[in-house]
Amino acid sequence: MEKYLMLDRRFLNPQAMENVEIQITTPKKDIGHNPLFVQDKPWEIRIDNGYPNVLFDKEEQIFRCYYTLFTDDSDTEGTSLEERTSRDYLPRMDRVTSLAYAESKDGIHWVKPELGRVEWRGSKANNILLLFAHGTGVMIDDHDSNPDAKYKMVTKVDIPGQGAHMAVAFSPNGKDWSKLIPWPEHNPPADSHNLPFWNEEEGCYMLLSRVWQDGIRMTTLSRSDDFIHWTEPKETLRGRGYENQVYSMPVFFWNGIYLGLASIIHEGDRREENFDTVDCELTWAVNPEHFDFVAPGQSLIPRGEGHYPTGAFDCGCIYASQPVIGPDGKIWLYYMGGNGRHTNFRESSLARAFWQPDQFAAMVQKDKNSDSLLTSCRLKFGGSNLEILAQAENPDKPVLLEAQIHHIWTELPLSGFTFEESRTENTSDGWIRISWPEGMEKLKGSQGCIKFRFKNMKIWAVRGDLCLDGHRLWEGADMENEIH
């Protein structure tokens, strides 16, 4: 069966929708365990954004976290809490950005092992992997047959006073890394989370990074066949003015589309309550060359309550990792939460939230007192199955869920496939099966659209023996006589 999420704009016909809007479904924070780890080592002078890369190694059955931090920062080190609340943070150009490592057997209890790799102030008894590494992104590569390159990283080597350049490295186990290999071509600013991933459809590596253009931040995309030579970064997502700029954006592939976890920094007006804070919004793309916001302005991971220094550990900034599917099959969304404004004093901690599969964003009613209507684009029918992932918005009130099928949405419904004749049945995995006495197998090989009428429901996805059949622009047109 094919499955389509409601955030996938290809599936719906906006001309034929009534009284609906999309609403982000926020993952449930792990209140009982958050924060999972905090800044508690002498060399963790300021974790700052963190740019976490949380991965689950299936072979070793272990969670690994790679995070960015400042191992030298003179304006933070030694300042008391009283001083931090009485003046603004003054970042210095001689700050040292580094990469650190932590691991966990259960995804909850984390250890920062003494790796013995990097000397920090006379000792290698620390969990530092690299000095002078800015915005490092790490991936586990299941497509490379070379065991020494199972783990791959992209980073910005940034040595104060000596310039900066892009580089990559490889590892068989996530701890022992090769020497950094500079990019032979291109040197983008990339002063953010540089996230590499494999694009199965194109059969190449891709990298999401960030540059500055026209006075604001924007996300970029590069490609590589060998993980060493990368194409020039091209814009793939721009925010909404000064007030909502894209700071970083890890992505993951789900159900045939890409979903992005965009950290949005708010600038432009110092009087605004959210000025200089960072929220996390959900984006989506069919092709990573162009992302779009699912629900602009809606937070995916809401910031905690309060303000620095007494507020929640994540009341100021949110920087997410790509989601992790653990050994229990659950989806966990790990993130670094900061308790202060972006450009001021703050402390950051690792946390996580639980995400239900497919329940990322739902279509809901605007007016709760009126029926709502969702209409699909043109589909091709291939069998008898039609199911919808939905549940009551208010479990104490009655619900309405009906469906009917049209050849063209502006015409009358097909005989035997009306709202009144539709039937619903709950399945064992939480989906709702929709059927008609006529049976959808009667429509196999034909084209049409489905209208869903509902009340007191939130709808996340549709699946069944059906597939997209052309752009909505041509619905109802005579394709054989199409005018060019």
Protein backbone atom coordinates (compact mmCIF):
# COMPACT_ATOMS: atom_id res chain seq x y z
CA MET A 1 0.00 0.00 0.00
CA GLU A 2 1.08 3.56 -0.71
CA LYS A 3 1.05 6.06 2.16
CA TYR A 4 0.74 9.85 2.04
CA LEU A 5 1.24 12.21 4.96
CA MET A 6 -1.01 15.24 5.27
CA LEU A 7 2.07 17.48 5.22
CA ASP A 8 2.83 16.20 1.69
CA ARG A 9 1.17 18.93 -0.38
CA ARG A 10 1.16 16.75 -3.48
CA PHE A 11 -1.66 14.65 -2.06
CA LEU A 12 -4.32 17.31 -1.43
CA ASN A 13 -6.32 19.59 -3.71
CA PRO A 14 -6.41 23.02 -2.00
CA GLN A 15 -9.23 24.22 -4.28
CA ALA A 16 -11.49 21.56 -2.78
CA MET A 17 -10.77 21.92 0.93
CA GLU A 18 -12.99 23.54 3.55
CA ASN A 19 -12.53 24.51 7.20
CA VAL A 20 -9.13 22.84 7.62
CA GLU A 21 -5.63 23.84 8.66
CA ILE A 22 -2.42 21.96 9.30
CA GLN A 23 -1.19 21.60 12.86
CA ILE A 24 2.18 20.34 14.03
CA THR A 25 2.03 17.37 16.39
CA THR A 26 4.68 18.04 19.00
CA PRO A 27 6.67 15.03 20.22
CA LYS A 28 6.34 14.24 23.92
CA LYS A 29 9.34 15.38 25.94
CA ASP A 30 10.90 12.74 28.19
CA ILE A 31 10.16 14.71 31.35
CA GLY A 32 11.24 11.85 33.61
CA HIS A 33 14.80 11.80 32.24
CA ASN A 34 15.49 15.23 30.69
CA PRO A 35 18.04 16.66 30.63
CA LEU A 36 20.07 13.57 29.72
CA PHE A 37 23.44 15.21 30.20
CA VAL A 38 24.62 18.73 31.06
CA GLN A 39 27.81 20.81 30.95
CA ASP A 40 29.69 19.14 33.79
CA LYS A 41 33.28 18.77 32.54
CA PRO A 42 36.01 21.41 32.91
CA TRP A 43 36.57 21.49 29.13
CA GLU A 44 32.84 21.95 28.45
CA ILE A 45 33.21 25.67 28.97
CA ARG A 46 30.25 26.47 26.72
CA ILE A 47 28.33 23.84 24.75
CA ASP A 48 26.44 26.67 23.04
CA ASN A 49 24.35 25.29 20.12
CA GLY A 50 25.72 21.76 20.47
CA TYR A 51 24.65 20.68 16.96
CA PRO A 52 23.99 17.14 18.24
CA ASN A 53 24.41 14.10 16.01
CA VAL A 54 22.76 11.23 17.87
CA LEU A 55 23.12 7.89 16.07
CA PHE A 56 22.23 4.31 16.94
CA ASP A 57 24.80 1.71 15.90
CA LYS A 58 22.78 -1.44 15.21
CA GLU A 59 25.84 -3.70 15.11
CA GLU A 60 27.23 -2.48 18.42
CA GLN A 61 23.79 -1.80 19.93
CA ILE A 62 24.89 1.55 21.28
CA PHE A 63 23.82 5.17 20.98
CA ARG A 64 26.52 7.68 20.06
CA CYS A 65 26.36 11.46 20.36
CA TYR A 66 28.75 13.87 18.66
CA TYR A 67 28.38 17.45 19.82
CA THR A 68 30.09 20.79 19.25
CA LEU A 69 31.37 22.88 22.16
CA PHE A 70 33.80 25.63 23.07
CA THR A 71 36.84 24.23 24.88
CA ASP A 72 38.29 27.71 25.28
CA ASP A 73 36.14 30.78 25.77
CA SER A 74 37.59 33.47 28.00
CA ASP A 75 34.38 35.45 28.42
CA THR A 76 32.52 32.43 29.80
CA GLU A 77 35.20 30.68 31.80
CA GLY A 78 35.40 31.85 35.37
CA THR A 79 32.37 34.14 35.25
CA SER A 80 29.99 33.71 38.16
CA LEU A 81 26.24 33.34 37.76
CA GLU A 82 25.85 36.77 39.31
CA GLU A 83 28.10 38.28 36.65
CA ARG A 84 26.36 36.41 33.86
CA THR A 85 23.03 37.93 34.83
CA SER A 86 24.40 41.46 35.16
CA ARG A 87 26.03 41.90 31.74
CA ASP A 88 25.92 40.57 28.17
CA TYR A 89 28.16 37.81 26.86
CA LEU A 90 31.04 39.09 24.71
CA PRO A 91 32.24 36.38 22.30
CA ARG A 92 35.92 36.61 21.35
CA MET A 93 37.52 35.64 18.05
CA ASP A 94 40.03 33.42 19.86
CA ARG A 95 37.36 30.99 21.10
CA VAL A 96 38.20 27.34 20.30
CA THR A 97 35.39 25.21 18.90
CA SER A 98 35.80 21.44 19.31
CA LEU A 99 34.01 18.12 18.86
CA ALA A 100 33.16 15.89 21.82
CA TYR A 101 31.69 12.39 22.10
CA ALA A 102 29.28 10.64 24.46
CA GLU A 103 27.68 7.19 24.37
CA SER A 104 24.76 5.35 25.91
CA LYS A 105 23.48 1.79 26.03
CA ASP A 106 19.85 2.76 26.53
CA GLY A 107 19.63 6.27 25.07
CA ILE A 108 18.93 7.69 28.53
CA HIS A 109 22.06 7.31 30.65
CA TRP A 110 25.05 8.84 28.91
CA VAL A 111 28.78 8.43 29.52
CA LYS A 112 31.49 10.85 28.41
CA PRO A 113 34.41 8.41 28.11
CA GLU A 114 38.05 9.34 28.55
CA LEU A 115 39.12 8.82 24.94
CA GLY A 116 42.77 9.75 25.28
CA ARG A 117 42.76 11.35 21.83
CA VAL A 118 43.21 15.06 22.40
CA GLU A 119 45.27 16.92 24.97
CA TRP A 120 43.44 19.67 26.80
CA ARG A 121 45.54 21.72 29.22
CA GLY A 122 48.05 18.97 29.80
CA SER A 123 45.74 15.94 29.94
CA LYS A 124 44.12 13.54 27.45
CA ALA A 125 41.64 12.26 30.05
CA ASN A 126 38.63 13.75 28.28
CA ASN A 127 35.96 12.98 25.66
CA ILE A 128 37.25 15.42 23.05
CA LEU A 129 37.61 13.98 19.53
CA LEU A 130 38.84 17.05 17.65
CA LEU A 131 40.00 20.56 18.39
CA PHE A 132 39.14 23.45 16.04
CA ALA A 133 36.11 21.60 14.62
CA HIS A 134 33.03 23.75 14.03
CA GLY A 135 29.51 22.44 13.33
CA THR A 136 30.52 18.82 12.76
CA GLY A 137 28.03 16.44 11.18
CA VAL A 138 28.39 12.66 11.49
CA MET A 139 26.58 9.83 9.68
CA ILE A 140 26.60 6.03 9.69
CA ASP A 141 26.97 4.91 6.08
CA ASP A 142 25.21 1.65 5.26
CA HIS A 143 25.96 2.04 1.55
CA ASP A 144 29.76 1.95 1.66
CA SER A 145 31.33 -1.54 1.57
CA ASN A 146 34.58 -0.18 3.03
CA PRO A 147 34.49 -1.09 6.77
CA ASP A 148 36.98 1.67 7.57
CA ALA A 149 34.49 4.25 6.31
CA LYS A 150 31.36 3.08 8.13
CA TYR A 151 31.30 6.43 9.95
CA LYS A 152 31.76 9.67 8.04
CA MET A 153 32.03 13.27 9.17
CA VAL A 154 32.05 16.73 7.64
CA THR A 155 33.37 19.65 9.68
CA LYS A 156 34.58 23.21 9.40
CA VAL A 157 38.18 23.38 10.59
CA ASP A 158 38.37 26.77 12.28
CA ILE A 159 41.71 27.75 13.83
CA PRO A 160 41.63 31.26 15.31
CA GLY A 161 44.00 33.53 13.45
CA GLN A 162 44.81 30.89 10.81
CA GLY A 163 41.66 30.75 8.72
CA ALA A 164 39.03 28.06 8.20
CA HIS A 165 38.31 25.33 5.67
CA MET A 166 35.95 22.40 5.11
CA ALA A 167 37.19 18.85 5.74
CA VAL A 168 36.01 15.24 6.01
CA ALA A 169 37.12 12.18 7.96
CA PHE A 170 36.31 8.46 8.16
CA SER A 171 36.08 5.90 10.97
CA PRO A 172 35.37 2.16 11.31
CA ASN A 173 33.83 2.48 14.78
CA GLY A 174 32.90 6.10 15.44
CA LYS A 175 35.83 6.68 17.81
CA ASP A 176 39.03 6.14 15.81
CA TRP A 177 39.04 8.70 13.02
CA SER A 178 41.30 9.20 10.03
CA LYS A 179 43.20 12.41 9.51
CA LEU A 180 41.04 15.25 8.27
CA ILE A 181 40.99 15.60 4.49
CA PRO A 182 40.43 19.19 3.29
CA TRP A 183 37.84 19.79 0.59
CA PRO A 184 39.70 20.16 -2.74
CA GLU A 185 37.07 22.63 -3.95
CA HIS A 186 34.90 25.32 -2.34
CA ASN A 187 35.09 26.87 1.10
CA PRO A 188 31.62 28.05 2.18
CA PRO A 189 31.18 29.86 5.54
CA ALA A 190 29.39 26.74 6.90
CA ASP A 191 29.38 28.19 10.43
CA SER A 192 26.57 25.90 11.55
CA HIS A 193 25.54 22.23 11.64
CA ASN A 194 27.02 20.56 8.54
CA LEU A 195 24.84 17.48 8.11
CA PRO A 196 25.81 14.76 5.58
CA PHE A 197 23.38 12.07 4.40
CA TRP A 198 22.92 9.55 1.61
CA ASN A 199 20.38 10.21 -1.15
CA GLU A 200 19.20 6.81 -2.35
CA GLU A 201 17.32 8.15 -5.36
CA GLU A 202 20.31 10.01 -6.81
CA GLY A 203 22.89 7.56 -5.46
CA CYS A 204 25.13 10.23 -3.97
CA TYR A 205 26.04 11.94 -0.70
CA MET A 206 24.46 15.25 0.16
CA LEU A 207 25.36 17.91 2.68
CA LEU A 208 23.10 20.51 4.22
CA SER A 209 25.01 23.50 5.50
CA ARG A 210 24.51 27.26 5.85
CA VAL A 211 25.77 30.48 4.35
CA TRP A 212 24.88 34.16 4.53
CA GLN A 213 23.24 36.02 1.67
CA ASP A 214 21.42 39.35 1.42
CA GLY A 215 22.00 39.97 5.11
CA ILE A 216 20.38 36.77 6.42
CA ARG A 217 21.21 33.13 6.98
CA MET A 218 20.09 30.45 4.53
CA THR A 219 20.43 26.68 4.19
CA THR A 220 22.47 25.20 1.33
CA LEU A 221 22.88 21.83 -0.38
CA SER A 222 26.02 20.21 -1.83
CA ARG A 223 26.51 16.82 -3.55
CA SER A 224 29.38 14.34 -3.64
CA ASP A 225 30.03 10.94 -5.21
CA ASP A 226 33.05 10.09 -3.03
CA PHE A 227 32.50 12.19 0.12
CA ILE A 228 35.66 14.16 -0.66
CA HIS A 229 34.82 16.28 -3.71
CA TRP A 230 31.72 18.40 -3.11
CA THR A 231 29.73 20.65 -5.43
CA GLU A 232 29.29 24.34 -4.79
CA PRO A 233 26.61 24.91 -2.11
CA LYS A 234 23.23 26.03 -3.49
CA GLU A 235 20.35 27.58 -1.59
CA THR A 236 17.67 25.11 -0.55
CA LEU A 237 15.72 26.99 2.16
CA ARG A 238 15.42 30.60 3.24
CA GLY A 239 13.51 31.74 6.30
CA ARG A 240 11.11 34.64 6.70
CA GLY A 241 13.03 37.90 7.01
CA TYR A 242 15.22 38.88 9.95
CA GLU A 243 12.62 37.59 12.39
CA ASN A 244 12.71 33.93 11.33
CA GLN A 245 16.08 32.90 9.89
CA VAL A 246 17.15 29.29 9.37
CA TYR A 247 20.16 28.68 11.58
CA SER A 248 20.62 24.94 10.98
CA MET A 249 18.56 22.05 9.65
CA PRO A 250 19.22 18.33 10.16
CA VAL A 251 17.06 16.20 7.88
CA PHE A 252 15.85 12.61 7.62
CA PHE A 253 14.15 10.52 4.94
CA TRP A 254 10.66 9.25 5.74
CA ASN A 255 8.02 7.67 3.51
CA GLY A 256 9.52 8.94 0.26
CA ILE A 257 10.06 12.56 1.35
CA TYR A 258 12.61 14.50 3.39
CA LEU A 259 11.69 16.12 6.68
CA GLY A 260 13.84 18.87 8.16
CA LEU A 261 14.24 20.07 11.74
CA ALA A 262 14.99 23.74 11.20
CA SER A 263 16.32 25.83 14.08
CA ILE A 264 14.83 29.30 13.62
CA ILE A 265 16.55 32.31 15.17
CA HIS A 266 14.50 35.44 15.82
CA GLU A 267 16.14 38.81 15.25
CA GLY A 268 14.93 42.20 14.03
CA ASP A 269 13.30 43.66 17.16
CA ARG A 270 14.98 43.60 20.56
CA ARG A 271 11.68 44.38 22.26
CA GLU A 272 10.04 41.15 21.11
CA GLU A 273 9.64 38.43 23.74
CA ASN A 274 11.26 35.83 21.48
CA PHE A 275 14.13 38.06 20.32
CA ASP A 276 17.41 36.13 20.05
CA THR A 277 15.76 32.85 20.98
CA VAL A 278 15.80 29.78 18.73
CA ASP A 279 12.76 27.64 17.97
CA CYS A 280 12.55 24.40 15.98
CA GLU A 281 10.16 24.17 13.01
CA LEU A 282 9.33 21.27 10.67
CA THR A 283 10.13 21.47 6.97
CA TRP A 284 9.61 19.05 4.10
CA ALA A 285 10.85 18.34 0.58
CA VAL A 286 10.37 15.85 -2.21
CA ASN A 287 13.77 16.84 -3.59
CA PRO A 288 16.37 18.21 -1.13
CA GLU A 289 17.09 21.01 -3.59
CA HIS A 290 14.03 22.83 -2.25
CA PHE A 291 12.56 22.64 1.24
CA ASP A 292 9.45 24.39 2.48
CA PHE A 293 7.92 24.97 5.91
CA VAL A 294 5.12 22.61 6.93
CA ALA A 295 3.43 25.10 9.27
CA PRO A 296 5.33 28.42 9.47
CA GLY A 297 5.53 29.77 12.99
CA GLN A 298 4.49 26.55 14.74
CA SER A 299 7.14 25.09 17.05
CA LEU A 300 7.96 21.42 16.71
CA ILE A 301 9.80 21.21 20.03
CA PRO A 302 8.37 23.98 22.24
CA ARG A 303 10.89 25.83 24.36
CA GLY A 304 10.55 25.40 28.11
CA GLU A 305 9.12 28.00 30.46
CA GLY A 306 11.02 30.88 32.00
CA HIS A 307 14.18 32.85 31.29
CA TYR A 308 17.87 32.76 32.09
CA PRO A 309 19.11 31.80 34.60
CA THR A 310 16.15 30.31 36.47
CA GLY A 311 14.08 29.03 33.55
CA ALA A 312 13.84 25.51 32.16
CA PHE A 313 17.01 24.00 30.69
CA ASP A 314 15.56 24.49 27.18
CA CYS A 315 13.77 27.83 27.58
CA GLY A 316 16.06 29.74 25.20
CA CYS A 317 17.31 27.69 22.24
CA ILE A 318 16.51 24.38 20.53
CA TYR A 319 18.94 22.58 18.18
CA ALA A 320 17.81 19.12 17.08
CA SER A 321 19.58 16.00 15.88
CA GLN A 322 18.19 13.83 13.13
CA PRO A 323 15.69 11.39 14.77
CA VAL A 324 16.84 8.01 16.01
CA ILE A 325 14.99 4.69 15.82
CA GLY A 326 16.18 2.72 18.82
CA PRO A 327 16.24 -1.05 19.36
CA ASP A 328 12.64 -0.89 20.64
CA GLY A 329 11.51 0.53 17.30
CA LYS A 330 10.50 3.88 18.83
CA ILE A 331 11.40 7.20 17.23
CA TRP A 332 13.35 9.51 19.53
CA LEU A 333 14.07 13.12 18.71
CA TYR A 334 17.21 14.24 20.55
CA TYR A 335 18.05 17.92 20.89
CA MET A 336 20.31 20.41 22.64
CA GLY A 337 18.32 22.80 24.79
CA GLY A 338 19.84 26.08 25.94
CA ASN A 339 18.53 28.09 28.90
CA GLY A 340 19.43 31.54 27.60
CA ARG A 341 19.33 33.72 24.50
CA HIS A 342 21.47 32.78 21.54
CA THR A 343 24.03 35.56 21.74
CA ASN A 344 24.10 35.78 25.52
CA PHE A 345 25.15 33.61 28.43
CA ARG A 346 23.51 30.20 28.50
CA GLU A 347 24.17 26.59 29.40
CA SER A 348 23.08 23.75 27.09
CA SER A 349 21.97 20.18 27.78
CA LEU A 350 21.04 17.09 25.77
CA ALA A 351 17.40 16.02 25.92
CA ARG A 352 14.96 13.88 23.96
CA ALA A 353 11.29 13.62 23.00
CA PHE A 354 9.18 10.70 21.73
CA TRP A 355 7.72 10.93 18.23
CA GLN A 356 4.89 8.74 16.98
CA PRO A 357 5.57 7.34 13.46
CA ASP A 358 3.73 9.29 10.74
CA GLN A 359 2.13 11.59 13.32
CA PHE A 360 4.19 14.64 12.45
CA ALA A 361 1.49 17.10 11.34
CA ALA A 362 -2.29 16.70 11.14
CA MET A 363 -5.13 18.35 9.29
CA VAL A 364 -7.61 19.69 11.84
CA GLN A 365 -10.74 21.83 11.90
CA LYS A 366 -10.61 25.60 12.05
CA ASP A 367 -14.20 26.02 13.22
CA LYS A 368 -14.92 23.17 15.62
CA ASN A 369 -18.67 23.60 15.17
CA SER A 370 -18.73 22.96 11.41
CA ASP A 371 -17.87 19.95 9.27
CA SER A 372 -14.52 19.95 7.47
CA LEU A 373 -13.65 18.71 4.01
CA LEU A 374 -10.38 17.31 2.65
CA THR A 375 -10.06 16.36 -1.00
CA SER A 376 -7.23 14.42 -2.55
CA CYS A 377 -5.57 15.24 -5.83
CA ARG A 378 -6.20 12.94 -8.78
CA LEU A 379 -5.42 9.34 -7.86
CA LYS A 380 -5.18 6.05 -9.65
CA PHE A 381 -6.94 3.23 -7.84
CA GLY A 382 -5.38 -0.21 -7.63
CA GLY A 383 -7.39 -2.30 -5.18
CA SER A 384 -9.73 -2.48 -2.22
CA ASN A 385 -7.71 -0.95 0.63
CA LEU A 386 -8.22 2.57 1.97
CA GLU A 387 -7.16 3.55 5.50
CA ILE A 388 -6.71 6.83 7.33
CA LEU A 389 -4.51 7.61 10.34
CA ALA A 390 -6.71 9.75 12.56
CA GLN A 391 -8.13 10.12 16.02
CA ALA A 392 -10.57 12.31 17.91
CA GLU A 393 -9.38 15.78 18.87
CA ASN A 394 -11.66 15.70 21.90
CA PRO A 395 -12.29 12.10 23.05
CA ASP A 396 -15.32 13.22 25.05
CA LYS A 397 -17.21 14.44 21.99
CA PRO A 398 -18.70 12.48 19.05
CA VAL A 399 -16.73 12.23 15.82
CA LEU A 400 -17.64 12.24 12.16
CA LEU A 401 -15.57 10.55 9.44
CA GLU A 402 -16.99 9.84 6.00
CA ALA A 403 -15.56 9.52 2.50
CA GLN A 404 -16.78 9.55 -1.06
CA ILE A 405 -15.14 9.12 -4.44
CA HIS A 406 -15.47 11.35 -7.50
CA HIS A 407 -14.19 11.05 -11.03
CA ILE A 408 -13.59 14.82 -10.87
CA TRP A 409 -14.01 16.74 -7.62
CA THR A 410 -16.47 19.25 -9.10
CA GLU A 411 -18.79 16.46 -10.29
CA LEU A 412 -21.25 14.31 -8.34
CA PRO A 413 -19.79 11.32 -6.48
CA LEU A 414 -19.66 7.92 -8.13
CA SER A 415 -22.72 5.77 -7.55
CA GLY A 416 -22.15 3.47 -4.57
CA PHE A 417 -19.29 5.57 -3.21
CA THR A 418 -21.03 8.40 -1.35
CA PHE A 419 -20.54 9.79 2.14
CA GLU A 420 -23.71 8.11 3.33
CA GLU A 421 -22.61 4.70 2.06
CA SER A 422 -19.09 4.80 3.51
CA ARG A 423 -18.23 2.64 6.53
CA THR A 424 -15.37 2.88 9.03
CA GLU A 425 -13.59 0.20 11.05
CA ASN A 426 -10.69 0.53 13.49
CA THR A 427 -7.64 -1.61 12.75
CA SER A 428 -5.19 -3.17 15.20
CA ASP A 429 -2.40 -0.69 14.38
CA GLY A 430 -4.39 2.48 14.97
CA TRP A 431 -5.51 3.18 11.41
CA ILE A 432 -9.18 3.47 10.40
CA ARG A 433 -10.33 1.40 7.44
CA ILE A 434 -12.86 3.02 5.08
CA SER A 435 -15.02 0.96 2.74
CA TRP A 436 -18.20 0.98 0.67
CA PRO A 437 -20.61 -1.89 -0.08
CA GLU A 438 -19.65 -1.68 -3.77
CA GLY A 439 -15.99 -2.38 -2.93
CA MET A 440 -13.08 -0.25 -4.18
CA GLU A 441 -11.76 -3.17 -6.24
CA LYS A 442 -14.51 -2.19 -8.71
CA LEU A 443 -12.50 0.99 -9.40
CA LYS A 444 -9.17 -0.74 -10.08
CA GLY A 445 -7.33 0.92 -12.94
CA SER A 446 -9.53 4.04 -12.95
CA GLN A 447 -8.76 7.60 -11.83
CA GLY A 448 -10.54 9.86 -9.42
CA CYS A 449 -10.30 11.70 -6.13
CA ILE A 450 -11.43 11.05 -2.58
CA LYS A 451 -13.26 13.53 -0.38
CA PHE A 452 -13.10 13.12 3.40
CA ARG A 453 -15.75 14.82 5.53
CA PHE A 454 -14.95 14.95 9.22
CA LYS A 455 -15.62 16.60 12.54
CA ASN A 456 -13.71 16.45 15.83
CA MET A 457 -10.86 14.58 14.14
CA LYS A 458 -7.20 15.12 13.43
CA ILE A 459 -5.90 13.38 10.34
CA TRP A 460 -2.22 12.56 9.84
CA ALA A 461 -2.05 10.27 6.81
CA VAL A 462 -3.86 8.18 4.20
CA ARG A 463 -2.76 4.82 2.84
CA GLY A 464 -4.21 2.30 0.43
CA ASP A 465 -4.10 0.70 -3.00
CA LEU A 466 -3.75 4.03 -4.76
CA CYS A 467 -1.10 6.39 -6.11
CA LEU A 468 -0.74 9.96 -7.33
CA ASP A 469 -1.85 10.38 -10.93
CA GLY A 470 -0.81 13.76 -12.24
CA HIS A 471 -0.61 17.35 -11.08
CA ARG A 472 -3.84 18.91 -9.85
CA LEU A 473 -3.52 21.62 -12.52
CA TRP A 474 -4.72 19.16 -15.15
CA GLU A 475 -7.58 17.59 -13.21
CA GLY A 476 -10.60 17.54 -15.46
CA ALA A 477 -8.63 18.50 -18.57
CA ASP A 478 -8.58 16.47 -21.75
CA MET A 479 -4.94 15.37 -21.68
CA GLU A 480 -5.03 14.04 -25.25
CA ASN A 481 -5.94 17.49 -26.49
CA GLU A 482 -3.65 19.41 -24.19
CA ILE A 483 -2.73 22.81 -25.57
CA HIS A 484 0.97 23.73 -25.48
